[in-house]
C-alpha atoms as a PDB file:
ATOM      1  CA  MET A   1     -26.258  19.320  55.340  1.00  0.00           C
ATOM      2  CA  LYS A   2     -28.325  16.422  54.056  1.00  0.00           C
ATOM      3  CA  ARG A   3     -29.459  18.529  51.089  1.00  0.00           C
ATOM      4  CA  LYS A   4     -25.854  19.459  50.320  1.00  0.00           C
ATOM      5  CA  ARG A   5     -24.752  15.801  50.315  1.00  0.00           C
ATOM      6  CA  MET A   6     -27.652  14.988  47.981  1.00  0.00           C
ATOM      7  CA  ILE A   7     -26.546  17.701  45.518  1.00  0.00           C
ATOM      8  CA  VAL A   8     -22.976  16.394  45.571  1.00  0.00           C
ATOM      9  CA  LEU A   9     -24.229  12.834  44.954  1.00  0.00           C
ATOM     10  CA  ILE A  10     -26.417  13.914  42.034  1.00  0.00           C
ATOM     11  CA  THR A  11     -23.505  15.859  40.525  1.00  0.00           C
ATOM     12  CA  PHE A  12     -21.227  12.834  40.856  1.00  0.00           C
ATOM     13  CA  ILE A  13     -23.797  10.557  39.197  1.00  0.00           C
ATOM     14  CA  PHE A  14     -24.198  13.048  36.322  1.00  0.00           C
ATOM     15  CA  PHE A  15     -20.478  13.165  35.565  1.00  0.00           C
ATOM     16  CA  LEU A  16     -20.145   9.396  35.946  1.00  0.00           C
ATOM     17  CA  SER A  17     -22.987   8.957  33.461  1.00  0.00           C
ATOM     18  CA  PHE A  18     -21.355  11.421  31.062  1.00  0.00           C
ATOM     19  CA  SER A  19     -18.076   9.523  31.243  1.00  0.00           C
ATOM     20  CA  ILE A  20     -19.801   6.218  30.502  1.00  0.00           C
ATOM     21  CA  ASN A  21     -21.838   7.647  27.599  1.00  0.00           C
ATOM     22  CA  THR A  22     -18.798   9.155  25.912  1.00  0.00           C
ATOM     23  CA  GLY A  23     -16.861   5.945  26.359  1.00  0.00           C
ATOM     24  CA  ASN A  24     -13.991   7.773  28.065  1.00  0.00           C
ATOM     25  CA  VAL A  25     -12.702   8.554  24.587  1.00  0.00           C
ATOM     26  CA  HIS A  26      -9.087   9.586  24.013  1.00  0.00           C
ATOM     27  CA  ALA A  27      -8.696  12.582  26.283  1.00  0.00           C
ATOM     28  CA  LYS A  28      -7.145  14.948  23.782  1.00  0.00           C
ATOM     29  CA  GLY A  29      -8.967  16.234  20.718  1.00  0.00           C
ATOM     30  CA  TYR A  30      -7.189  18.237  18.024  1.00  0.00           C
ATOM     31  CA  GLY A  31      -8.751  21.048  16.020  1.00  0.00           C
ATOM     32  CA  TRP A  32      -7.431  20.966  12.457  1.00  0.00           C
ATOM     33  CA  GLY A  33      -5.317  23.982  11.584  1.00  0.00           C
ATOM     34  CA  PHE A  34      -2.085  25.047   9.902  1.00  0.00           C
ATOM     35  CA  LYS A  35       0.286  27.939   9.402  1.00  0.00           C
ATOM     36  CA  LYS A  36      -0.834  29.851   6.332  1.00  0.00           C
ATOM     37  CA  ASN A  37       1.624  31.342   3.879  1.00  0.00           C
ATOM     38  CA  ASP A  38       1.434  33.400   0.703  1.00  0.00           C
ATOM     39  CA  ASN A  39       4.458  31.765  -0.949  1.00  0.00           C
ATOM     40  CA  HIS A  40       2.303  29.242  -2.826  1.00  0.00           C
ATOM     41  CA  GLU A  41       3.768  26.446  -0.722  1.00  0.00           C
ATOM     42  CA  VAL A  42       2.073  23.620   1.172  1.00  0.00           C
ATOM     43  CA  PRO A  43       1.254  25.019   4.637  1.00  0.00           C
ATOM     44  CA  TYR A  44       3.065  23.728   7.702  1.00  0.00           C
ATOM     45  CA  VAL A  45       0.905  21.480   9.902  1.00  0.00           C
ATOM     46  CA  GLY A  46       3.512  20.284  12.402  1.00  0.00           C
ATOM     47  CA  LYS A  47       2.869  16.964  14.139  1.00  0.00           C
ATOM     48  CA  TYR A  48      -0.503  16.618  12.397  1.00  0.00           C
ATOM     49  CA  ARG A  49       1.245  15.513   9.190  1.00  0.00           C
ATOM     50  CA  ASP A  50       2.739  12.403  10.795  1.00  0.00           C
ATOM     51  CA  ILE A  51      -0.517  11.571  12.596  1.00  0.00           C
ATOM     52  CA  LEU A  52      -2.500  11.752   9.362  1.00  0.00           C
ATOM     53  CA  LYS A  53       0.044   9.668   7.460  1.00  0.00           C
ATOM     54  CA  GLU A  54      -0.088   6.944  10.096  1.00  0.00           C
ATOM     55  CA  TYR A  55      -3.837   6.553   9.589  1.00  0.00           C
ATOM     56  CA  GLY A  56      -4.040   7.109   5.823  1.00  0.00           C
ATOM     57  CA  ALA A  57      -5.735  10.508   6.110  1.00  0.00           C
ATOM     58  CA  TYR A  58      -5.146  13.467   3.795  1.00  0.00           C
ATOM     59  CA  TYR A  59      -4.973  17.250   3.804  1.00  0.00           C
ATOM     60  CA  VAL A  60      -2.956  17.867   0.632  1.00  0.00           C
ATOM     61  CA  ASP A  61      -1.533  16.162  -2.449  1.00  0.00           C
ATOM     62  CA  GLU A  62       2.229  16.156  -1.857  1.00  0.00           C
ATOM     63  CA  SER A  63       3.173  15.040  -5.373  1.00  0.00           C
ATOM     64  CA  GLY A  64       4.256  18.570  -6.305  1.00  0.00           C
ATOM     65  CA  GLU A  65       1.978  18.551  -9.340  1.00  0.00           C
ATOM     66  CA  LYS A  66      -0.236  21.590  -9.935  1.00  0.00           C
ATOM     67  CA  ASN A  67      -3.431  19.794  -9.009  1.00  0.00           C
ATOM     68  CA  ILE A  68      -6.353  21.308  -7.110  1.00  0.00           C
ATOM     69  CA  TYR A  69      -9.157  19.477  -5.310  1.00  0.00           C
ATOM     70  CA  LEU A  70     -12.300  21.493  -4.662  1.00  0.00           C
ATOM     71  CA  THR A  71     -14.328  20.518  -1.599  1.00  0.00           C
ATOM     72  CA  PHE A  72     -17.411  22.130  -0.105  1.00  0.00           C
ATOM     73  CA  ASP A  73     -18.951  21.682   3.339  1.00  0.00           C
ATOM     74  CA  ASN A  74     -22.750  21.837   3.187  1.00  0.00           C
ATOM     75  CA  GLY A  75     -24.682  21.900   6.445  1.00  0.00           C
ATOM     76  CA  TYR A  76     -27.582  24.001   5.227  1.00  0.00           C
ATOM     77  CA  GLU A  77     -28.574  25.809   2.052  1.00  0.00           C
ATOM     78  CA  GLN A  78     -28.466  29.549   1.420  1.00  0.00           C
ATOM     79  CA  GLY A  79     -29.490  29.476  -2.240  1.00  0.00           C
ATOM     80  CA  TYR A  80     -26.046  29.446  -3.902  1.00  0.00           C
ATOM     81  CA  THR A  81     -25.307  25.768  -4.513  1.00  0.00           C
ATOM     82  CA  ASP A  82     -27.154  25.677  -7.827  1.00  0.00           C
ATOM     83  CA  GLU A  83     -24.960  28.562  -8.989  1.00  0.00           C
ATOM     84  CA  VAL A  84     -21.845  26.704  -7.814  1.00  0.00           C
ATOM     85  CA  LEU A  85     -22.950  23.573  -9.670  1.00  0.00           C
ATOM     86  CA  ASP A  86     -23.646  25.606 -12.816  1.00  0.00           C
ATOM     87  CA  VAL A  87     -20.061  26.898 -12.826  1.00  0.00           C
ATOM     88  CA  LEU A  88     -18.573  23.457 -12.142  1.00  0.00           C
ATOM     89  CA  LYS A  89     -20.602  22.002 -15.014  1.00  0.00           C
ATOM     90  CA  LYS A  90     -19.608  24.772 -17.419  1.00  0.00           C
ATOM     91  CA  GLU A  91     -15.919  24.405 -16.574  1.00  0.00           C
ATOM     92  CA  ASN A  92     -16.025  20.584 -16.337  1.00  0.00           C
ATOM     93  CA  VAL A  93     -14.575  20.681 -12.810  1.00  0.00           C
ATOM     94  CA  PRO A  94     -15.244  17.895 -10.282  1.00  0.00           C
ATOM     95  CA  ALA A  95     -15.846  18.589  -6.595  1.00  0.00           C
ATOM     96  CA  THR A  96     -16.631  16.810  -3.351  1.00  0.00           C
ATOM     97  CA  PHE A  97     -19.525  18.014  -1.222  1.00  0.00           C
ATOM     98  CA  PHE A  98     -19.356  16.986   2.440  1.00  0.00           C
ATOM     99  CA  VAL A  99     -22.954  17.070   3.657  1.00  0.00           C
ATOM    100  CA  THR A 100     -24.908  16.623   6.892  1.00  0.00           C
ATOM    101  CA  GLY A 101     -28.212  14.906   7.555  1.00  0.00           C
ATOM    102  CA  HIS A 102     -30.077  18.206   7.681  1.00  0.00           C
ATOM    103  CA  TYR A 103     -28.762  19.093   4.244  1.00  0.00           C
ATOM    104  CA  VAL A 104     -29.724  15.745   2.751  1.00  0.00           C
ATOM    105  CA  SER A 105     -33.252  15.830   4.153  1.00  0.00           C
ATOM    106  CA  SER A 106     -33.864  19.463   3.221  1.00  0.00           C
ATOM    107  CA  GLN A 107     -32.159  19.509  -0.201  1.00  0.00           C
ATOM    108  CA  PRO A 108     -32.676  16.113  -1.882  1.00  0.00           C
ATOM    109  CA  ASP A 109     -32.779  17.636  -5.367  1.00  0.00           C
ATOM    110  CA  LEU A 110     -29.369  19.224  -4.894  1.00  0.00           C
ATOM    111  CA  ILE A 111     -27.916  15.944  -3.650  1.00  0.00           C
ATOM    112  CA  LYS A 112     -29.286  14.199  -6.725  1.00  0.00           C
ATOM    113  CA  ARG A 113     -27.860  16.888  -8.968  1.00  0.00           C
ATOM    114  CA  MET A 114     -24.395  16.607  -7.375  1.00  0.00           C
ATOM    115  CA  VAL A 115     -24.337  12.863  -7.987  1.00  0.00           C
ATOM    116  CA  ASP A 116     -25.889  13.029 -11.459  1.00  0.00           C
ATOM    117  CA  GLU A 117     -23.278  15.580 -12.555  1.00  0.00           C
ATOM    118  CA  GLY A 118     -20.375  13.412 -11.445  1.00  0.00           C
ATOM    119  CA  HIS A 119     -19.453  14.944  -8.120  1.00  0.00           C
ATOM    120  CA  ILE A 120     -18.665  13.014  -4.947  1.00  0.00           C
ATOM    121  CA  VAL A 121     -20.907  13.369  -1.916  1.00  0.00           C
ATOM    122  CA  GLY A 122     -18.794  12.977   1.209  1.00  0.00           C
ATOM    123  CA  ASN A 123     -19.789  12.253   4.796  1.00  0.00           C
ATOM    124  CA  HIS A 124     -19.881  15.168   7.236  1.00  0.00           C
ATOM    125  CA  SER A 125     -21.951  13.117   9.762  1.00  0.00           C
ATOM    126  CA  TYR A 126     -25.701  13.177  10.277  1.00  0.00           C
ATOM    127  CA  HIS A 127     -25.971  15.509  13.296  1.00  0.00           C
ATOM    128  CA  HIS A 128     -22.531  17.212  13.160  1.00  0.00           C
ATOM    129  CA  PRO A 129     -21.187  16.140  16.604  1.00  0.00           C
ATOM    130  CA  ASP A 130     -17.610  16.403  17.831  1.00  0.00           C
ATOM    131  CA  PHE A 131     -16.373  12.843  17.246  1.00  0.00           C
ATOM    132  CA  THR A 132     -13.607  13.175  19.835  1.00  0.00           C
ATOM    133  CA  ILE A 133     -16.138  13.135  22.700  1.00  0.00           C
ATOM    134  CA  VAL A 134     -18.448  10.328  21.573  1.00  0.00           C
ATOM    135  CA  THR A 135     -18.141   6.547  21.429  1.00  0.00           C
ATOM    136  CA  LYS A 136     -17.271   4.515  18.375  1.00  0.00           C
ATOM    137  CA  ASP A 137     -20.884   3.290  18.221  1.00  0.00           C
ATOM    138  CA  VAL A 138     -22.149   6.870  18.061  1.00  0.00           C
ATOM    139  CA  MET A 139     -19.647   7.715  15.343  1.00  0.00           C
ATOM    140  CA  LYS A 140     -20.691   4.610  13.408  1.00  0.00           C
ATOM    141  CA  ARG A 141     -24.392   5.553  13.609  1.00  0.00           C
ATOM    142  CA  GLU A 142     -23.648   9.118  12.504  1.00  0.00           C
ATOM    143  CA  LEU A 143     -21.709   8.001   9.439  1.00  0.00           C
ATOM    144  CA  GLU A 144     -23.969   5.112   8.460  1.00  0.00           C
ATOM    145  CA  SER A 145     -27.152   7.189   8.848  1.00  0.00           C
ATOM    146  CA  LEU A 146     -25.784   9.853   6.549  1.00  0.00           C
ATOM    147  CA  GLU A 147     -24.567   7.315   3.997  1.00  0.00           C
ATOM    148  CA  LYS A 148     -27.974   5.630   3.933  1.00  0.00           C
ATOM    149  CA  ALA A 149     -29.786   8.963   3.603  1.00  0.00           C
ATOM    150  CA  VAL A 150     -27.748   9.829   0.502  1.00  0.00           C
ATOM    151  CA  ALA A 151     -28.172   6.324  -0.968  1.00  0.00           C
ATOM    152  CA  ASP A 152     -31.938   6.514  -0.498  1.00  0.00           C
ATOM    153  CA  ILE A 153     -32.290   9.574  -2.728  1.00  0.00           C
ATOM    154  CA  SER A 154     -29.456   9.268  -5.245  1.00  0.00           C
ATOM    155  CA  ASP A 155     -27.419   6.836  -7.328  1.00  0.00           C
ATOM    156  CA  GLN A 156     -24.443   7.096  -4.965  1.00  0.00           C
ATOM    157  CA  LYS A 157     -24.781   3.985  -2.816  1.00  0.00           C
ATOM    158  CA  ASP A 158     -21.669   4.186  -0.662  1.00  0.00           C
ATOM    159  CA  MET A 159     -19.123   6.623   0.703  1.00  0.00           C
ATOM    160  CA  LYS A 160     -15.416   6.479   1.405  1.00  0.00           C
ATOM    161  CA  TYR A 161     -14.485  10.043   2.328  1.00  0.00           C
ATOM    162  CA  MET A 162     -15.409  11.807   5.545  1.00  0.00           C
ATOM    163  CA  ARG A 163     -14.683  15.228   6.953  1.00  0.00           C
ATOM    164  CA  PRO A 164     -14.972  15.393  10.731  1.00  0.00           C
ATOM    165  CA  PRO A 165     -17.419  17.965  12.093  1.00  0.00           C
ATOM    166  CA  ARG A 166     -15.682  21.148  13.274  1.00  0.00           C
ATOM    167  CA  GLY A 167     -12.374  19.697  12.098  1.00  0.00           C
ATOM    168  CA  MET A 168     -12.031  17.832  15.401  1.00  0.00           C
ATOM    169  CA  PHE A 169     -10.021  14.593  15.475  1.00  0.00           C
ATOM    170  CA  ASN A 170      -7.547  12.480  17.394  1.00  0.00           C
ATOM    171  CA  GLU A 171      -5.740   9.181  16.925  1.00  0.00           C
ATOM    172  CA  LYS A 172      -8.758   7.245  18.138  1.00  0.00           C
ATOM    173  CA  THR A 173     -11.230   8.830  15.691  1.00  0.00           C
ATOM    174  CA  LEU A 174      -8.782   8.352  12.815  1.00  0.00           C
ATOM    175  CA  GLN A 175      -8.463   4.682  13.745  1.00  0.00           C
ATOM    176  CA  TRP A 176     -12.221   4.264  14.085  1.00  0.00           C
ATOM    177  CA  SER A 177     -12.871   5.815  10.687  1.00  0.00           C
ATOM    178  CA  ASN A 178     -10.425   3.357   9.105  1.00  0.00           C
ATOM    179  CA  GLU A 179     -12.169   0.448  10.816  1.00  0.00           C
ATOM    180  CA  LEU A 180     -15.497   1.751   9.509  1.00  0.00           C
ATOM    181  CA  GLY A 181     -14.138   1.993   5.958  1.00  0.00           C
ATOM    182  CA  TYR A 182     -13.653   5.767   5.788  1.00  0.00           C
ATOM    183  CA  ILE A 183     -10.784   8.049   4.857  1.00  0.00           C
ATOM    184  CA  HIS A 184     -10.430  11.395   6.631  1.00  0.00           C
ATOM    185  CA  VAL A 185     -10.035  14.352   4.263  1.00  0.00           C
ATOM    186  CA  PHE A 186      -8.961  17.658   5.795  1.00  0.00           C
ATOM    187  CA  TRP A 187      -7.780  20.697   3.810  1.00  0.00           C
ATOM    188  CA  SER A 188      -4.729  22.862   3.096  1.00  0.00           C
ATOM    189  CA  LEU A 189      -6.512  26.053   2.057  1.00  0.00           C
ATOM    190  CA  ALA A 190      -9.429  27.810   3.719  1.00  0.00           C
ATOM    191  CA  PHE A 191     -10.560  31.188   4.953  1.00  0.00           C
ATOM    192  CA  ILE A 192     -13.466  32.613   6.914  1.00  0.00           C
ATOM    193  CA  ASP A 193     -16.250  32.284   4.356  1.00  0.00           C
ATOM    194  CA  TRP A 194     -19.127  30.699   6.279  1.00  0.00           C
ATOM    195  CA  ASN A 195     -20.522  33.794   8.007  1.00  0.00           C
ATOM    196  CA  THR A 196     -23.437  34.750   5.786  1.00  0.00           C
ATOM    197  CA  ASP A 197     -23.804  38.089   7.586  1.00  0.00           C
ATOM    198  CA  ALA A 198     -20.214  39.121   6.866  1.00  0.00           C
ATOM    199  CA  GLN A 199     -19.699  38.538   3.160  1.00  0.00           C
ATOM    200  CA  ARG A 200     -17.136  40.955   1.711  1.00  0.00           C
ATOM    201  CA  GLY A 201     -17.648  40.680  -2.038  1.00  0.00           C
ATOM    202  CA  TRP A 202     -16.491  38.134  -4.607  1.00  0.00           C
ATOM    203  CA  LYS A 203     -13.070  39.775  -5.005  1.00  0.00           C
ATOM    204  CA  PHE A 204     -12.248  39.104  -1.348  1.00  0.00           C
ATOM    205  CA  ALA A 205     -12.916  35.378  -1.765  1.00  0.00           C
ATOM    206  CA  TYR A 206     -10.976  35.348  -5.031  1.00  0.00           C
ATOM    207  CA  ASP A 207      -7.983  37.106  -3.467  1.00  0.00           C
ATOM    208  CA  GLN A 208      -7.961  34.848  -0.394  1.00  0.00           C
ATOM    209  CA  ILE A 209      -7.739  31.728  -2.532  1.00  0.00           C
ATOM    210  CA  LYS A 210      -5.228  33.144  -5.018  1.00  0.00           C
ATOM    211  CA  LYS A 211      -2.993  34.291  -2.159  1.00  0.00           C
ATOM    212  CA  GLN A 212      -2.894  30.855  -0.537  1.00  0.00           C
ATOM    213  CA  ILE A 213      -3.022  28.609  -3.608  1.00  0.00           C
ATOM    214  CA  HIS A 214      -0.316  25.961  -3.932  1.00  0.00           C
ATOM    215  CA  PRO A 215       0.264  22.737  -5.862  1.00  0.00           C
ATOM    216  CA  GLY A 216      -1.802  19.887  -4.463  1.00  0.00           C
ATOM    217  CA  ALA A 217      -4.235  22.127  -2.577  1.00  0.00           C
ATOM    218  CA  ILE A 218      -7.353  20.597  -1.084  1.00  0.00           C
ATOM    219  CA  ILE A 219      -9.560  23.674  -0.847  1.00  0.00           C
ATOM    220  CA  LEU A 220     -12.332  23.962   1.721  1.00  0.00           C
ATOM    221  CA  LEU A 221     -15.188  26.270   0.740  1.00  0.00           C
ATOM    222  CA  HIS A 222     -18.692  26.696   2.125  1.00  0.00           C
ATOM    223  CA  ALA A 223     -21.518  26.828  -0.393  1.00  0.00           C
ATOM    224  CA  VAL A 224     -23.509  29.187   1.854  1.00  0.00           C
ATOM    225  CA  SER A 225     -21.108  31.961   0.817  1.00  0.00           C
ATOM    226  CA  GLU A 226     -22.393  34.309  -1.862  1.00  0.00           C
ATOM    227  CA  ASP A 227     -18.804  35.518  -2.323  1.00  0.00           C
ATOM    228  CA  ASN A 228     -17.626  32.018  -3.214  1.00  0.00           C
ATOM    229  CA  ALA A 229     -20.433  31.475  -5.691  1.00  0.00           C
ATOM    230  CA  LYS A 230     -19.679  34.768  -7.457  1.00  0.00           C
ATOM    231  CA  ALA A 231     -15.889  34.252  -7.426  1.00  0.00           C
ATOM    232  CA  LEU A 232     -15.818  30.652  -8.611  1.00  0.00           C
ATOM    233  CA  ASP A 233     -16.031  31.189 -12.360  1.00  0.00           C
ATOM    234  CA  ASN A 234     -13.173  33.715 -12.504  1.00  0.00           C
ATOM    235  CA  LEU A 235     -11.168  31.689 -10.034  1.00  0.00           C
ATOM    236  CA  ILE A 236     -11.337  28.445 -12.018  1.00  0.00           C
ATOM    237  CA  THR A 237     -10.640  30.207 -15.313  1.00  0.00           C
ATOM    238  CA  ASP A 238      -7.597  32.076 -13.986  1.00  0.00           C
ATOM    239  CA  LEU A 239      -6.109  29.101 -12.146  1.00  0.00           C
ATOM    240  CA  LYS A 240      -6.395  26.987 -15.287  1.00  0.00           C
ATOM    241  CA  LYS A 241      -4.473  29.723 -17.151  1.00  0.00           C
ATOM    242  CA  GLU A 242      -1.745  29.419 -14.508  1.00  0.00           C
ATOM    243  CA  GLY A 243      -1.347  25.727 -15.245  1.00  0.00           C
ATOM    244  CA  TYR A 244      -3.468  24.250 -12.472  1.00  0.00           C
ATOM    245  CA  THR A 245      -5.672  21.207 -13.105  1.00  0.00           C
ATOM    246  CA  PHE A 246      -8.839  20.555 -11.118  1.00  0.00           C
ATOM    247  CA  LYS A 247      -9.163  16.907 -10.140  1.00  0.00           C
ATOM    248  CA  SER A 248     -11.436  14.631  -8.161  1.00  0.00           C
ATOM    249  CA  LEU A 249     -10.399  13.231  -4.792  1.00  0.00           C
ATOM    250  CA  ASP A 250     -10.673   9.798  -6.403  1.00  0.00           C
ATOM    251  CA  ASP A 251      -7.916  10.727  -8.891  1.00  0.00           C
ATOM    252  CA  PHE A 252      -5.593  11.552  -6.019  1.00  0.00           C
ATOM    253  CA  VAL A 253      -6.444   8.983  -3.351  1.00  0.00           C
ATOM    254  CA  ILE A 254      -6.652   5.957  -5.660  1.00  0.00           C
ATOM    255  CA  LYS A 255      -3.342   6.870  -7.299  1.00  0.00           C
ATOM    256  CA  ASP A 256      -1.730   7.500  -3.909  1.00  0.00           C
ATOM    257  CA  LYS A 257      -2.729   4.071  -2.627  1.00  0.00           C
ATOM    258  CA  ILE A 258      -1.381   2.149  -5.645  1.00  0.00           C
ATOM    259  CA  PRO A 259       2.036   0.629  -4.796  1.00  0.00           C
ATOM    260  CA  GLU A 260       4.934   2.418  -6.490  1.00  0.00           C
ATOM    261  CA  GLY A 261       5.900   0.960  -9.858  1.00  0.00           C
ATOM    262  CA  ILE A 262       2.445  -0.397 -10.731  1.00  0.00           C
ATOM    263  CA  TYR A 263       0.647   1.035 -13.782  1.00  0.00           C
ATOM    264  CA  GLY A 264       3.579   3.378 -14.347  1.00  0.00           C
ATOM    265  CA  TYR A 265       3.121   5.301 -11.085  1.00  0.00           C
END
């Protein structure tokens, strides 16, 4: 009986400690997602749209213009990012690479190349935790550590865009990111491309993107995908022929935040 009470006490202390360490963060975490369509229309995201607007976060360019924003999530390297960068350079297409601490420490030359060739390096956190279950201080350390790591090895000295690990967010994490000087960037087009053991050929990646493409798309790709690397050249060429323009997140976000009527916008 005494042993049983001791086990219960230890269990209680453990959960109390867990609650304190996580700061009792907003109870509900959302996993980013949307209803896909093949009508070349902006996908429906339900209540998420209003939540993102309230906190100045983005998942799409709603201007109606045929703009595309390429983004890549890079947690580790599989040998294809150089090929991706070669295509982007050849086609003069900007991109944003959301990277983790492991990627920065293991691939400094690729980080330097991204920056030197005019791409944006975004913040995907240092250790890739779920921000909805940690404190603001933990989130701050994760973002600042990653920003410093990139600044230490490249000419990019600050960051303004972040993509939450695992796509997890809530009102509290959106608010915290604003207070820390960051803008959340989600996506309006994605497919299962990250499984390196289940690549299905470049045509599959090409078809998935062409089927879902829409004006204002923020595309999420993973640079570990051989399919993506092989499809990218044809994809960019064909989308340009269809009247799409590839732009930087800066082109979109800066314009979006300028009050209407200024500078002709």
